[in-house]
Amino acid sequence: MTTDSLARFLAALDPEHREAIGTRPRQEQERLAAAWERELEADDELDTLDELSPPAAEAEAARRVLDRETG
């Protein structure tokens, strides 16, 4: 996992979640960032949103990953 992916994932989070995720162990942060990358790649709806607004697509993917984490 590149640092760039983790940085992009953290940037896609809202400030509250960014702070909370930033306190977790690096390995867990990287796991979440990898899940975020997979979400961006796999979801066709996000592809359409990405064409209109890449930051919005990244934020939506981050929200989905965190929603799955918190169940």
C-alpha atoms as a PDB file:
ATOM      1  CA  MET A   1       0.000   0.000   0.000  1.00  0.00           C
ATOM      2  CA  THR A   2       1.426   3.334  -0.912  1.00  0.00           C
ATOM      3  CA  THR A   3       1.360   6.243   1.458  1.00  0.00           C
ATOM      4  CA  ASP A   4      -0.487   8.133  -1.276  1.00  0.00           C
ATOM      5  CA  SER A   5      -3.511   5.815  -1.044  1.00  0.00           C
ATOM      6  CA  LEU A   6      -3.653   6.211   2.706  1.00  0.00           C
ATOM      7  CA  ALA A   7      -3.319   9.989   2.429  1.00  0.00           C
ATOM      8  CA  ARG A   8      -6.089  10.115  -0.185  1.00  0.00           C
ATOM      9  CA  PHE A   9      -8.330   7.933   1.986  1.00  0.00           C
ATOM     10  CA  LEU A  10      -7.782  10.137   5.027  1.00  0.00           C
ATOM     11  CA  ALA A  11      -8.429  13.248   2.931  1.00  0.00           C
ATOM     12  CA  ALA A  12     -11.736  11.755   1.744  1.00  0.00           C
ATOM     13  CA  LEU A  13     -12.985  11.400   5.318  1.00  0.00           C
ATOM     14  CA  ASP A  14     -14.867  14.099   7.153  1.00  0.00           C
ATOM     15  CA  PRO A  15     -12.743  15.791   9.845  1.00  0.00           C
ATOM     16  CA  GLU A  16     -14.262  13.837  12.741  1.00  0.00           C
ATOM     17  CA  HIS A  17     -13.640  10.450  11.137  1.00  0.00           C
ATOM     18  CA  ARG A  18     -10.210  11.525   9.882  1.00  0.00           C
ATOM     19  CA  GLU A  19      -9.177  12.257  13.460  1.00  0.00           C
ATOM     20  CA  ALA A  20     -10.608   8.969  14.755  1.00  0.00           C
ATOM     21  CA  ILE A  21      -8.977   6.864  12.032  1.00  0.00           C
ATOM     22  CA  GLY A  22      -5.712   8.752  12.500  1.00  0.00           C
ATOM     23  CA  THR A  23      -5.456   7.415  16.054  1.00  0.00           C
ATOM     24  CA  ARG A  24      -5.718   3.781  14.943  1.00  0.00           C
ATOM     25  CA  PRO A  25      -2.645   1.623  14.284  1.00  0.00           C
ATOM     26  CA  ARG A  26      -1.015   2.162  10.893  1.00  0.00           C
ATOM     27  CA  GLN A  27      -1.828  -1.394   9.783  1.00  0.00           C
ATOM     28  CA  GLU A  28      -5.538  -0.826  10.408  1.00  0.00           C
ATOM     29  CA  GLN A  29      -5.424   2.516   8.574  1.00  0.00           C
ATOM     30  CA  GLU A  30      -3.829   0.776   5.598  1.00  0.00           C
ATOM     31  CA  ARG A  31      -6.446  -1.992   5.692  1.00  0.00           C
ATOM     32  CA  LEU A  32      -9.228   0.596   5.571  1.00  0.00           C
ATOM     33  CA  ALA A  33      -7.493   2.486   2.771  1.00  0.00           C
ATOM     34  CA  ALA A  34      -7.221  -0.755   0.776  1.00  0.00           C
ATOM     35  CA  ALA A  35     -10.941  -1.400   1.313  1.00  0.00           C
ATOM     36  CA  TRP A  36     -11.613   2.149   0.149  1.00  0.00           C
ATOM     37  CA  GLU A  37      -9.578   1.571  -3.030  1.00  0.00           C
ATOM     38  CA  ARG A  38     -11.528  -1.636  -3.712  1.00  0.00           C
ATOM     39  CA  GLU A  39     -14.815   0.204  -3.166  1.00  0.00           C
ATOM     40  CA  LEU A  40     -13.803   2.861  -5.677  1.00  0.00           C
ATOM     41  CA  GLU A  41     -12.803   0.236  -8.240  1.00  0.00           C
ATOM     42  CA  ALA A  42     -15.771  -2.083  -7.815  1.00  0.00           C
ATOM     43  CA  ASP A  43     -18.814   0.180  -7.659  1.00  0.00           C
ATOM     44  CA  ASP A  44     -20.241   1.348 -10.986  1.00  0.00           C
ATOM     45  CA  GLU A  45     -22.280   4.090  -9.322  1.00  0.00           C
ATOM     46  CA  LEU A  46     -19.073   5.583  -7.978  1.00  0.00           C
ATOM     47  CA  ASP A  47     -17.601   5.523 -11.503  1.00  0.00           C
ATOM     48  CA  THR A  48     -20.407   7.787 -12.665  1.00  0.00           C
ATOM     49  CA  LEU A  49     -20.043  10.064  -9.656  1.00  0.00           C
ATOM     50  CA  ASP A  50     -16.276  10.118 -10.188  1.00  0.00           C
ATOM     51  CA  GLU A  51     -16.796  11.565 -13.658  1.00  0.00           C
ATOM     52  CA  LEU A  52     -18.855  14.388 -12.163  1.00  0.00           C
ATOM     53  CA  SER A  53     -16.929  14.947  -8.945  1.00  0.00           C
ATOM     54  CA  PRO A  54     -13.923  12.810  -7.994  1.00  0.00           C
ATOM     55  CA  PRO A  55     -13.827  14.192  -4.407  1.00  0.00           C
ATOM     56  CA  ALA A  56     -17.504  13.321  -3.913  1.00  0.00           C
ATOM     57  CA  ALA A  57     -16.930   9.773  -5.170  1.00  0.00           C
ATOM     58  CA  GLU A  58     -13.957   9.343  -2.847  1.00  0.00           C
ATOM     59  CA  ALA A  59     -15.932  10.697   0.110  1.00  0.00           C
ATOM     60  CA  GLU A  60     -18.860   8.365  -0.631  1.00  0.00           C
ATOM     61  CA  ALA A  61     -16.546   5.348  -0.865  1.00  0.00           C
ATOM     62  CA  ALA A  62     -14.937   6.322   2.453  1.00  0.00           C
ATOM     63  CA  ARG A  63     -18.360   6.652   4.074  1.00  0.00           C
ATOM     64  CA  ARG A  64     -19.343   3.188   2.825  1.00  0.00           C
ATOM     65  CA  VAL A  65     -16.159   1.593   4.154  1.00  0.00           C
ATOM     66  CA  LEU A  66     -16.659   3.171   7.580  1.00  0.00           C
ATOM     67  CA  ASP A  67     -20.330   2.176   7.615  1.00  0.00           C
ATOM     68  CA  ARG A  68     -19.314  -1.446   7.073  1.00  0.00           C
ATOM     69  CA  GLU A  69     -16.715  -1.144   9.845  1.00  0.00           C
ATOM     70  CA  THR A  70     -19.235   0.108  12.383  1.00  0.00           C
ATOM     71  CA  GLY A  71     -21.839  -2.321  11.162  1.00  0.00           C
END
